[in-house]
Amino acid sequence: MAITRINSFVRRYMAIIEMVGVLMRIFSFSLVSWLGPASPFMFVWMFNTADAIMLSWCSILKKDKAYTMLNVFWIMVGVIGILRAGDFIH
Protein backbone atom coordinates (compact mmCIF):
# COMPACT_ATOMS: atom_id res chain seq x y z
CA MET A 1 0.00 0.00 0.00
CA ALA A 2 1.03 3.59 -0.58
CA ILE A 3 0.70 4.55 3.08
CA THR A 4 3.06 1.76 4.10
CA ARG A 5 5.66 3.00 1.63
CA ILE A 6 5.24 6.59 2.82
CA ASN A 7 5.59 5.49 6.46
CA SER A 8 8.69 3.51 5.54
CA PHE A 9 10.17 6.56 3.81
CA VAL A 10 9.36 8.81 6.79
CA ARG A 11 10.90 6.32 9.24
CA ARG A 12 14.04 6.06 7.14
CA TYR A 13 14.51 9.83 6.87
CA MET A 14 12.80 10.90 10.10
CA ALA A 15 15.68 12.93 11.53
CA ILE A 16 16.04 14.87 8.27
CA ILE A 17 12.28 15.41 7.91
CA GLU A 18 12.04 16.66 11.50
CA MET A 19 14.97 19.04 11.04
CA VAL A 20 13.51 20.42 7.81
CA GLY A 21 10.12 20.85 9.55
CA VAL A 22 11.67 22.71 12.48
CA LEU A 23 13.69 24.96 10.15
CA MET A 24 10.52 25.66 8.14
CA ARG A 25 8.71 26.70 11.31
CA ILE A 26 11.58 28.94 12.41
CA PHE A 27 11.68 30.53 8.96
CA SER A 28 7.94 31.19 8.79
CA PHE A 29 7.77 32.82 12.21
CA SER A 30 10.96 34.79 11.57
CA LEU A 31 9.43 36.12 8.37
CA VAL A 32 6.38 37.37 10.25
CA SER A 33 8.58 38.87 12.97
CA TRP A 34 10.74 40.71 10.43
CA LEU A 35 8.04 41.87 8.04
CA GLY A 36 5.13 42.37 10.42
CA PRO A 37 1.95 43.47 8.61
CA ALA A 38 3.80 43.34 5.26
CA SER A 39 4.25 39.56 5.64
CA PRO A 40 2.98 37.29 2.87
CA PHE A 41 0.48 35.70 5.25
CA MET A 42 -0.94 33.12 2.84
CA PHE A 43 2.57 31.83 2.12
CA VAL A 44 3.46 31.82 5.81
CA TRP A 45 0.32 29.88 6.78
CA MET A 46 0.73 27.36 3.97
CA PHE A 47 4.41 26.88 4.80
CA ASN A 48 3.65 26.58 8.52
CA THR A 49 0.86 24.08 7.89
CA ALA A 50 3.15 21.98 5.68
CA ASP A 51 5.77 21.79 8.43
CA ALA A 52 3.07 20.90 10.97
CA ILE A 53 1.97 18.01 8.74
CA MET A 54 5.56 16.78 8.43
CA LEU A 55 6.20 17.02 12.17
CA SER A 56 2.82 15.45 13.03
CA TRP A 57 3.52 12.48 10.78
CA CYS A 58 6.89 11.92 12.46
CA SER A 59 5.44 12.23 15.96
CA ILE A 60 2.58 9.85 15.15
CA LEU A 61 5.04 7.23 13.92
CA LYS A 62 7.15 7.77 17.06
CA LYS A 63 3.97 7.45 19.18
CA ASP A 64 4.84 10.72 20.92
CA LYS A 65 1.43 11.91 22.14
CA ALA A 66 2.47 15.36 23.35
CA TYR A 67 4.39 16.19 20.17
CA THR A 68 1.50 14.84 18.09
CA MET A 69 -1.02 16.99 19.94
CA LEU A 70 1.15 20.10 19.54
CA ASN A 71 1.64 19.64 15.82
CA VAL A 72 -1.95 18.60 15.05
CA PHE A 73 -2.96 21.78 16.88
CA TRP A 74 -0.65 23.72 14.52
CA ILE A 75 -2.32 22.07 11.54
CA MET A 76 -5.70 23.33 12.78
CA VAL A 77 -4.27 26.81 13.42
CA GLY A 78 -2.71 26.74 9.96
CA VAL A 79 -5.97 25.82 8.25
CA ILE A 80 -7.71 28.70 10.02
CA GLY A 81 -4.83 31.01 9.06
CA ILE A 82 -5.08 29.93 5.41
CA LEU A 83 -8.85 30.51 5.43
CA ARG A 84 -8.41 33.97 6.99
CA ALA A 85 -5.51 34.95 4.72
CA GLY A 86 -7.59 33.89 1.71
CA ASP A 87 -10.59 35.90 2.94
CA PHE A 88 -12.72 32.77 3.15
CA ILE A 89 -13.56 33.56 6.78
CA HIS A 90 -13.28 36.79 8.78
PDB file of N, CA and C in Angstrom:
ATOM      1  N   MET A   1       0.822  -1.202   0.000  1.00  0.00           N
ATOM      2  CA  MET A   1       0.000   0.000   0.000  1.00  0.00           C
ATOM      3  C   MET A   1       0.859   1.256   0.000  1.00  0.00           C
ATOM      4  N   ALA A   2       0.298   2.327  -0.503  1.00  0.00           N
ATOM      5  CA  ALA A   2       1.034   3.586  -0.582  1.00  0.00           C
ATOM      6  C   ALA A   2       1.384   4.123   0.802  1.00  0.00           C
ATOM      7  N   ILE A   3       0.440   4.016   1.736  1.00  0.00           N
ATOM      8  CA  ILE A   3       0.695   4.554   3.084  1.00  0.00           C
ATOM      9  C   ILE A   3       1.847   3.830   3.761  1.00  0.00           C
ATOM     10  N   THR A   4       1.961   2.538   3.523  1.00  0.00           N
ATOM     11  CA  THR A   4       3.055   1.761   4.101  1.00  0.00           C
ATOM     12  C   THR A   4       4.390   2.228   3.537  1.00  0.00           C
ATOM     13  N   ARG A   5       4.417   2.520   2.242  1.00  0.00           N
ATOM     14  CA  ARG A   5       5.660   3.003   1.632  1.00  0.00           C
ATOM     15  C   ARG A   5       6.006   4.400   2.128  1.00  0.00           C
ATOM     16  N   ILE A   6       4.989   5.236   2.292  1.00  0.00           N
ATOM     17  CA  ILE A   6       5.238   6.588   2.818  1.00  0.00           C
ATOM     18  C   ILE A   6       5.770   6.500   4.247  1.00  0.00           C
ATOM     19  N   ASN A   7       5.125   5.663   5.073  1.00  0.00           N
ATOM     20  CA  ASN A   7       5.591   5.493   6.458  1.00  0.00           C
ATOM     21  C   ASN A   7       7.022   4.973   6.496  1.00  0.00           C
ATOM     22  N   SER A   8       7.333   4.065   5.613  1.00  0.00           N
ATOM     23  CA  SER A   8       8.688   3.513   5.541  1.00  0.00           C
ATOM     24  C   SER A   8       9.690   4.615   5.180  1.00  0.00           C
ATOM     25  N   PHE A   9       9.325   5.439   4.218  1.00  0.00           N
ATOM     26  CA  PHE A   9      10.172   6.563   3.811  1.00  0.00           C
ATOM     27  C   PHE A   9      10.379   7.528   4.974  1.00  0.00           C
ATOM     28  N   VAL A  10       9.280   7.871   5.665  1.00  0.00           N
ATOM     29  CA  VAL A  10       9.362   8.809   6.788  1.00  0.00           C
ATOM     30  C   VAL A  10      10.230   8.229   7.897  1.00  0.00           C
ATOM     31  N   ARG A  11      10.059   6.958   8.199  1.00  0.00           N
ATOM     32  CA  ARG A  11      10.896   6.325   9.244  1.00  0.00           C
ATOM     33  C   ARG A  11      12.369   6.361   8.860  1.00  0.00           C
ATOM     34  N   ARG A  12      12.646   6.104   7.595  1.00  0.00           N
ATOM     35  CA  ARG A  12      14.041   6.064   7.139  1.00  0.00           C
ATOM     36  C   ARG A  12      14.705   7.441   7.229  1.00  0.00           C
ATOM     37  N   TYR A  13      13.959   8.480   6.906  1.00  0.00           N
ATOM     38  CA  TYR A  13      14.515   9.834   6.869  1.00  0.00           C
ATOM     39  C   TYR A  13      13.952  10.732   7.957  1.00  0.00           C
ATOM     40  N   MET A  14      13.499  10.149   9.063  1.00  0.00           N
ATOM     41  CA  MET A  14      12.801  10.901  10.100  1.00  0.00           C
ATOM     42  C   MET A  14      13.619  12.069  10.651  1.00  0.00           C
ATOM     43  N   ALA A  15      14.866  11.854  10.957  1.00  0.00           N
ATOM     44  CA  ALA A  15      15.682  12.935  11.530  1.00  0.00           C
ATOM     45  C   ALA A  15      15.784  14.107  10.558  1.00  0.00           C
ATOM     46  N   ILE A  16      15.935  13.817   9.286  1.00  0.00           N
ATOM     47  CA  ILE A  16      16.039  14.873   8.273  1.00  0.00           C
ATOM     48  C   ILE A  16      14.700  15.586   8.125  1.00  0.00           C
ATOM     49  N   ILE A  17      13.612  14.818   8.056  1.00  0.00           N
ATOM     50  CA  ILE A  17      12.278  15.409   7.910  1.00  0.00           C
ATOM     51  C   ILE A  17      11.962  16.309   9.104  1.00  0.00           C
ATOM     52  N   GLU A  18      12.287  15.843  10.308  1.00  0.00           N
ATOM     53  CA  GLU A  18      12.036  16.663  11.500  1.00  0.00           C
ATOM     54  C   GLU A  18      12.862  17.945  11.478  1.00  0.00           C
ATOM     55  N   MET A  19      14.123  17.844  11.087  1.00  0.00           N
ATOM     56  CA  MET A  19      14.975  19.037  11.040  1.00  0.00           C
ATOM     57  C   MET A  19      14.458  20.031  10.007  1.00  0.00           C
ATOM     58  N   VAL A  20      14.063  19.543   8.838  1.00  0.00           N
ATOM     59  CA  VAL A  20      13.508  20.419   7.813  1.00  0.00           C
ATOM     60  C   VAL A  20      12.224  21.080   8.329  1.00  0.00           C
ATOM     61  N   GLY A  21      11.357  20.305   8.993  1.00  0.00           N
ATOM     62  CA  GLY A  21      10.116  20.848   9.552  1.00  0.00           C
ATOM     63  C   GLY A  21      10.375  21.937  10.576  1.00  0.00           C
ATOM     64  N   VAL A  22      11.334  21.709  11.448  1.00  0.00           N
ATOM     65  CA  VAL A  22      11.673  22.709  12.475  1.00  0.00           C
ATOM     66  C   VAL A  22      12.251  23.969  11.823  1.00  0.00           C
ATOM     67  N   LEU A  23      13.127  23.796  10.845  1.00  0.00           N
ATOM     68  CA  LEU A  23      13.688  24.959  10.150  1.00  0.00           C
ATOM     69  C   LEU A  23      12.613  25.728   9.388  1.00  0.00           C
ATOM     70  N   MET A  24      11.645  25.005   8.813  1.00  0.00           N
ATOM     71  CA  MET A  24      10.525  25.665   8.142  1.00  0.00           C
ATOM     72  C   MET A  24       9.727  26.508   9.124  1.00  0.00           C
ATOM     73  N   ARG A  25       9.479  25.958  10.310  1.00  0.00           N
ATOM     74  CA  ARG A  25       8.712  26.696  11.312  1.00  0.00           C
ATOM     75  C   ARG A  25       9.471  27.940  11.760  1.00  0.00           C
ATOM     76  N   ILE A  26      10.760  27.791  12.015  1.00  0.00           N
ATOM     77  CA  ILE A  26      11.585  28.937  12.412  1.00  0.00           C
ATOM     78  C   ILE A  26      11.554  30.007  11.325  1.00  0.00           C
ATOM     79  N   PHE A  27      11.693  29.583  10.068  1.00  0.00           N
ATOM     80  CA  PHE A  27      11.685  30.526   8.957  1.00  0.00           C
ATOM     81  C   PHE A  27      10.352  31.268   8.865  1.00  0.00           C
ATOM     82  N   SER A  28       9.251  30.540   8.963  1.00  0.00           N
ATOM     83  CA  SER A  28       7.943  31.187   8.787  1.00  0.00           C
ATOM     84  C   SER A  28       7.666  32.195   9.893  1.00  0.00           C
ATOM     85  N   PHE A  29       8.010  31.864  11.136  1.00  0.00           N
ATOM     86  CA  PHE A  29       7.769  32.817  12.215  1.00  0.00           C
ATOM     87  C   PHE A  29       8.773  33.965  12.188  1.00  0.00           C
ATOM     88  N   SER A  30       9.973  33.704  11.722  1.00  0.00           N
ATOM     89  CA  SER A  30      10.955  34.793  11.569  1.00  0.00           C
ATOM     90  C   SER A  30      10.492  35.776  10.514  1.00  0.00           C
ATOM     91  N   LEU A  31       9.924  35.256   9.435  1.00  0.00           N
ATOM     92  CA  LEU A  31       9.428  36.119   8.367  1.00  0.00           C
ATOM     93  C   LEU A  31       8.352  37.066   8.885  1.00  0.00           C
ATOM     94  N   VAL A  32       7.431  36.536   9.677  1.00  0.00           N
ATOM     95  CA  VAL A  32       6.376  37.370  10.251  1.00  0.00           C
ATOM     96  C   VAL A  32       6.978  38.379  11.225  1.00  0.00           C
ATOM     97  N   SER A  33       7.947  37.956  12.022  1.00  0.00           N
ATOM     98  CA  SER A  33       8.583  38.872  12.973  1.00  0.00           C
ATOM     99  C   SER A  33       9.299  40.007  12.249  1.00  0.00           C
ATOM    100  N   TRP A  34       9.981  39.684  11.158  1.00  0.00           N
ATOM    101  CA  TRP A  34      10.740  40.707  10.433  1.00  0.00           C
ATOM    102  C   TRP A  34       9.845  41.637   9.632  1.00  0.00           C
ATOM    103  N   LEU A  35       8.844  41.069   8.964  1.00  0.00           N
ATOM    104  CA  LEU A  35       8.040  41.872   8.037  1.00  0.00           C
ATOM    105  C   LEU A  35       6.764  42.442   8.650  1.00  0.00           C
ATOM    106  N   GLY A  36       6.338  41.884   9.772  1.00  0.00           N
ATOM    107  CA  GLY A  36       5.127  42.372  10.424  1.00  0.00           C
ATOM    108  C   GLY A  36       3.924  42.335   9.492  1.00  0.00           C
ATOM    109  N   PRO A  37       3.156  43.428   9.440  1.00  0.00           N
ATOM    110  CA  PRO A  37       1.953  43.466   8.612  1.00  0.00           C
ATOM    111  C   PRO A  37       2.218  43.294   7.112  1.00  0.00           C
ATOM    112  N   ALA A  38       3.459  43.498   6.683  1.00  0.00           N
ATOM    113  CA  ALA A  38       3.796  43.338   5.264  1.00  0.00           C
ATOM    114  C   ALA A  38       4.109  41.880   4.909  1.00  0.00           C
ATOM    115  N   SER A  39       3.950  40.978   5.868  1.00  0.00           N
ATOM    116  CA  SER A  39       4.250  39.562   5.639  1.00  0.00           C
ATOM    117  C   SER A  39       3.316  38.956   4.602  1.00  0.00           C
ATOM    118  N   PRO A  40       3.840  38.020   3.811  1.00  0.00           N
ATOM    119  CA  PRO A  40       2.981  37.292   2.868  1.00  0.00           C
ATOM    120  C   PRO A  40       2.226  36.199   3.639  1.00  0.00           C
ATOM    121  N   PHE A  41       1.133  36.581   4.294  1.00  0.00           N
ATOM    122  CA  PHE A  41       0.481  35.697   5.253  1.00  0.00           C
ATOM    123  C   PHE A  41       0.002  34.373   4.657  1.00  0.00           C
ATOM    124  N   MET A  42      -0.498  34.384   3.430  1.00  0.00           N
ATOM    125  CA  MET A  42      -0.942  33.118   2.837  1.00  0.00           C
ATOM    126  C   MET A  42       0.245  32.153   2.709  1.00  0.00           C
ATOM    127  N   PHE A  43       1.367  32.664   2.226  1.00  0.00           N
ATOM    128  CA  PHE A  43       2.569  31.830   2.116  1.00  0.00           C
ATOM    129  C   PHE A  43       2.991  31.318   3.487  1.00  0.00           C
ATOM    130  N   VAL A  44       3.027  32.205   4.457  1.00  0.00           N
ATOM    131  CA  VAL A  44       3.459  31.824   5.807  1.00  0.00           C
ATOM    132  C   VAL A  44       2.560  30.730   6.371  1.00  0.00           C
ATOM    133  N   TRP A  45       1.233  30.880   6.226  1.00  0.00           N
ATOM    134  CA  TRP A  45       0.324  29.880   6.779  1.00  0.00           C
ATOM    135  C   TRP A  45       0.417  28.555   6.032  1.00  0.00           C
ATOM    136  N   MET A  46       0.593  28.611   4.725  1.00  0.00           N
ATOM    137  CA  MET A  46       0.731  27.359   3.973  1.00  0.00           C
ATOM    138  C   MET A  46       2.038  26.654   4.332  1.00  0.00           C
ATOM    139  N   PHE A  47       3.096  27.417   4.445  1.00  0.00           N
ATOM    140  CA  PHE A  47       4.409  26.879   4.798  1.00  0.00           C
ATOM    141  C   PHE A  47       4.368  26.292   6.209  1.00  0.00           C
ATOM    142  N   ASN A  48       3.761  27.030   7.138  1.00  0.00           N
ATOM    143  CA  ASN A  48       3.649  26.585   8.524  1.00  0.00           C
ATOM    144  C   ASN A  48       2.781  25.333   8.644  1.00  0.00           C
ATOM    145  N   THR A  49       1.721  25.256   7.860  1.00  0.00           N
ATOM    146  CA  THR A  49       0.856  24.078   7.891  1.00  0.00           C
ATOM    147  C   THR A  49       1.577  22.870   7.309  1.00  0.00           C
ATOM    148  N   ALA A  50       2.370  23.090   6.269  1.00  0.00           N
ATOM    149  CA  ALA A  50       3.149  21.985   5.684  1.00  0.00           C
ATOM    150  C   ALA A  50       4.146  21.427   6.705  1.00  0.00           C
ATOM    151  N   ASP A  51       4.826  22.304   7.430  1.00  0.00           N
ATOM    152  CA  ASP A  51       5.768  21.792   8.434  1.00  0.00           C
ATOM    153  C   ASP A  51       5.034  21.087   9.561  1.00  0.00           C
ATOM    154  N   ALA A  52       3.853  21.558   9.916  1.00  0.00           N
ATOM    155  CA  ALA A  52       3.069  20.896  10.968  1.00  0.00           C
ATOM    156  C   ALA A  52       2.649  19.497  10.529  1.00  0.00           C
ATOM    157  N   ILE A  53       2.319  19.332   9.254  1.00  0.00           N
ATOM    158  CA  ILE A  53       1.967  18.005   8.737  1.00  0.00           C
ATOM    159  C   ILE A  53       3.183  17.084   8.807  1.00  0.00           C
ATOM    160  N   MET A  54       4.328  17.581   8.390  1.00  0.00           N
ATOM    161  CA  MET A  54       5.559  16.776   8.434  1.00  0.00           C
ATOM    162  C   MET A  54       5.879  16.348   9.868  1.00  0.00           C
ATOM    163  N   LEU A  55       5.838  17.323  10.784  1.00  0.00           N
ATOM    164  CA  LEU A  55       6.196  17.021  12.171  1.00  0.00           C
ATOM    165  C   LEU A  55       5.144  16.145  12.846  1.00  0.00           C
ATOM    166  N   SER A  56       3.881  16.312  12.480  1.00  0.00           N
ATOM    167  CA  SER A  56       2.823  15.447  13.028  1.00  0.00           C
ATOM    168  C   SER A  56       3.022  14.012  12.584  1.00  0.00           C
ATOM    169  N   TRP A  57       3.327  13.826  11.308  1.00  0.00           N
ATOM    170  CA  TRP A  57       3.522  12.477  10.776  1.00  0.00           C
ATOM    171  C   TRP A  57       4.654  11.778  11.530  1.00  0.00           C
ATOM    172  N   CYS A  58       5.751  12.494  11.723  1.00  0.00           N
ATOM    173  CA  CYS A  58       6.886  11.917  12.459  1.00  0.00           C
ATOM    174  C   CYS A  58       6.485  11.566  13.887  1.00  0.00           C
ATOM    175  N   SER A  59       5.787  12.477  14.558  1.00  0.00           N
ATOM    176  CA  SER A  59       5.437  12.228  15.956  1.00  0.00           C
ATOM    177  C   SER A  59       4.417  11.108  16.095  1.00  0.00           C
ATOM    178  N   ILE A  60       3.526  10.963  15.120  1.00  0.00           N
ATOM    179  CA  ILE A  60       2.576   9.846  15.150  1.00  0.00           C
ATOM    180  C   ILE A  60       3.322   8.526  15.017  1.00  0.00           C
ATOM    181  N   LEU A  61       4.268   8.467  14.098  1.00  0.00           N
ATOM    182  CA  LEU A  61       5.041   7.233  13.923  1.00  0.00           C
ATOM    183  C   LEU A  61       5.893   6.921  15.152  1.00  0.00           C
ATOM    184  N   LYS A  62       6.350   7.964  15.835  1.00  0.00           N
ATOM    185  CA  LYS A  62       7.145   7.768  17.057  1.00  0.00           C
ATOM    186  C   LYS A  62       6.271   7.491  18.274  1.00  0.00           C
ATOM    187  N   LYS A  63       4.945   7.629  18.095  1.00  0.00           N
ATOM    188  CA  LYS A  63       3.973   7.453  19.181  1.00  0.00           C
ATOM    189  C   LYS A  63       4.228   8.446  20.326  1.00  0.00           C
ATOM    190  N   ASP A  64       4.588   9.648  19.958  1.00  0.00           N
ATOM    191  CA  ASP A  64       4.838  10.723  20.921  1.00  0.00           C
ATOM    192  C   ASP A  64       3.568  11.566  21.015  1.00  0.00           C
ATOM    193  N   LYS A  65       2.761  11.287  22.028  1.00  0.00           N
ATOM    194  CA  LYS A  65       1.434  11.908  22.140  1.00  0.00           C
ATOM    195  C   LYS A  65       1.495  13.420  22.302  1.00  0.00           C
ATOM    196  N   ALA A  66       2.399  13.909  23.124  1.00  0.00           N
ATOM    197  CA  ALA A  66       2.471  15.359  23.355  1.00  0.00           C
ATOM    198  C   ALA A  66       2.888  16.090  22.081  1.00  0.00           C
ATOM    199  N   TYR A  67       3.886  15.583  21.406  1.00  0.00           N
ATOM    200  CA  TYR A  67       4.387  16.186  20.172  1.00  0.00           C
ATOM    201  C   TYR A  67       3.324  16.097  19.076  1.00  0.00           C
ATOM    202  N   THR A  68       2.594  14.986  19.048  1.00  0.00           N
ATOM    203  CA  THR A  68       1.501  14.837  18.092  1.00  0.00           C
ATOM    204  C   THR A  68       0.423  15.868  18.352  1.00  0.00           C
ATOM    205  N   MET A  69       0.022  16.028  19.604  1.00  0.00           N
ATOM    206  CA  MET A  69      -1.021  16.994  19.941  1.00  0.00           C
ATOM    207  C   MET A  69      -0.589  18.405  19.558  1.00  0.00           C
ATOM    208  N   LEU A  70       0.642  18.766  19.863  1.00  0.00           N
ATOM    209  CA  LEU A  70       1.145  20.096  19.538  1.00  0.00           C
ATOM    210  C   LEU A  70       1.093  20.356  18.038  1.00  0.00           C
ATOM    211  N   ASN A  71       1.561  19.412  17.257  1.00  0.00           N
ATOM    212  CA  ASN A  71       1.639  19.636  15.816  1.00  0.00           C
ATOM    213  C   ASN A  71       0.295  19.506  15.120  1.00  0.00           C
ATOM    214  N   VAL A  72      -0.589  18.654  15.610  1.00  0.00           N
ATOM    215  CA  VAL A  72      -1.950  18.598  15.055  1.00  0.00           C
ATOM    216  C   VAL A  72      -2.669  19.911  15.363  1.00  0.00           C
ATOM    217  N   PHE A  73      -2.425  20.453  16.549  1.00  0.00           N
ATOM    218  CA  PHE A  73      -2.962  21.776  16.882  1.00  0.00           C
ATOM    219  C   PHE A  73      -2.484  22.799  15.857  1.00  0.00           C
ATOM    220  N   TRP A  74      -1.188  22.767  15.490  1.00  0.00           N
ATOM    221  CA  TRP A  74      -0.649  23.719  14.523  1.00  0.00           C
ATOM    222  C   TRP A  74      -1.255  23.526  13.143  1.00  0.00           C
ATOM    223  N   ILE A  75      -1.628  22.296  12.806  1.00  0.00           N
ATOM    224  CA  ILE A  75      -2.324  22.072  11.536  1.00  0.00           C
ATOM    225  C   ILE A  75      -3.661  22.806  11.569  1.00  0.00           C
ATOM    226  N   MET A  76      -4.396  22.657  12.663  1.00  0.00           N
ATOM    227  CA  MET A  76      -5.695  23.334  12.784  1.00  0.00           C
ATOM    228  C   MET A  76      -5.525  24.854  12.735  1.00  0.00           C
ATOM    229  N   VAL A  77      -4.541  25.374  13.451  1.00  0.00           N
ATOM    230  CA  VAL A  77      -4.270  26.813  13.420  1.00  0.00           C
ATOM    231  C   VAL A  77      -3.912  27.247  11.998  1.00  0.00           C
ATOM    232  N   GLY A  78      -3.114  26.429  11.328  1.00  0.00           N
ATOM    233  CA  GLY A  78      -2.712  26.737   9.959  1.00  0.00           C
ATOM    234  C   GLY A  78      -3.877  26.772   8.998  1.00  0.00           C
ATOM    235  N   VAL A  79      -4.787  25.827   9.127  1.00  0.00           N
ATOM    236  CA  VAL A  79      -5.968  25.816   8.250  1.00  0.00           C
ATOM    237  C   VAL A  79      -6.799  27.081   8.472  1.00  0.00           C
ATOM    238  N   ILE A  80      -6.969  27.463   9.726  1.00  0.00           N
ATOM    239  CA  ILE A  80      -7.708  28.701  10.024  1.00  0.00           C
ATOM    240  C   ILE A  80      -6.950  29.907   9.462  1.00  0.00           C
ATOM    241  N   GLY A  81      -5.642  29.921   9.617  1.00  0.00           N
ATOM    242  CA  GLY A  81      -4.831  31.008   9.062  1.00  0.00           C
ATOM    243  C   GLY A  81      -4.942  31.098   7.552  1.00  0.00           C
ATOM    244  N   ILE A  82      -4.936  29.954   6.875  1.00  0.00           N
ATOM    245  CA  ILE A  82      -5.085  29.932   5.415  1.00  0.00           C
ATOM    246  C   ILE A  82      -6.459  30.476   5.020  1.00  0.00           C
ATOM    247  N   LEU A  83      -7.489  30.034   5.730  1.00  0.00           N
ATOM    248  CA  LEU A  83      -8.848  30.508   5.427  1.00  0.00           C
ATOM    249  C   LEU A  83      -8.981  32.010   5.649  1.00  0.00           C
ATOM    250  N   ARG A  84      -8.354  32.515   6.715  1.00  0.00           N
ATOM    251  CA  ARG A  84      -8.412  33.966   6.987  1.00  0.00           C
ATOM    252  C   ARG A  84      -7.572  34.748   5.985  1.00  0.00           C
ATOM    253  N   ALA A  85      -6.372  34.257   5.670  1.00  0.00           N
ATOM    254  CA  ALA A  85      -5.514  34.951   4.715  1.00  0.00           C
ATOM    255  C   ALA A  85      -6.144  34.976   3.325  1.00  0.00           C
ATOM    256  N   GLY A  86      -6.917  33.953   2.996  1.00  0.00           N
ATOM    257  CA  GLY A  86      -7.591  33.894   1.705  1.00  0.00           C
ATOM    258  C   GLY A  86      -8.942  34.572   1.694  1.00  0.00           C
ATOM    259  N   ASP A  87      -9.297  35.219   2.794  1.00  0.00           N
ATOM    260  CA  ASP A  87     -10.595  35.899   2.943  1.00  0.00           C
ATOM    261  C   ASP A  87     -11.786  34.963   2.779  1.00  0.00           C
ATOM    262  N   PHE A  88     -11.602  33.711   3.164  1.00  0.00           N
ATOM    263  CA  PHE A  88     -12.720  32.770   3.152  1.00  0.00           C
ATOM    264  C   PHE A  88     -13.544  32.882   4.419  1.00  0.00           C
ATOM    265  N   ILE A  89     -12.872  33.280   5.516  1.00  0.00           N
ATOM    266  CA  ILE A  89     -13.558  33.561   6.779  1.00  0.00           C
ATOM    267  C   ILE A  89     -12.983  34.864   7.341  1.00  0.00           C
ATOM    268  N   HIS A  90     -13.740  35.502   8.214  1.00  0.00           N
ATOM    269  CA  HIS A  90     -13.275  36.788   8.778  1.00  0.00           C
ATOM    270  C   HIS A  90     -13.174  36.692  10.263  1.00  0.00           C
TER     271      HIS A  90
END
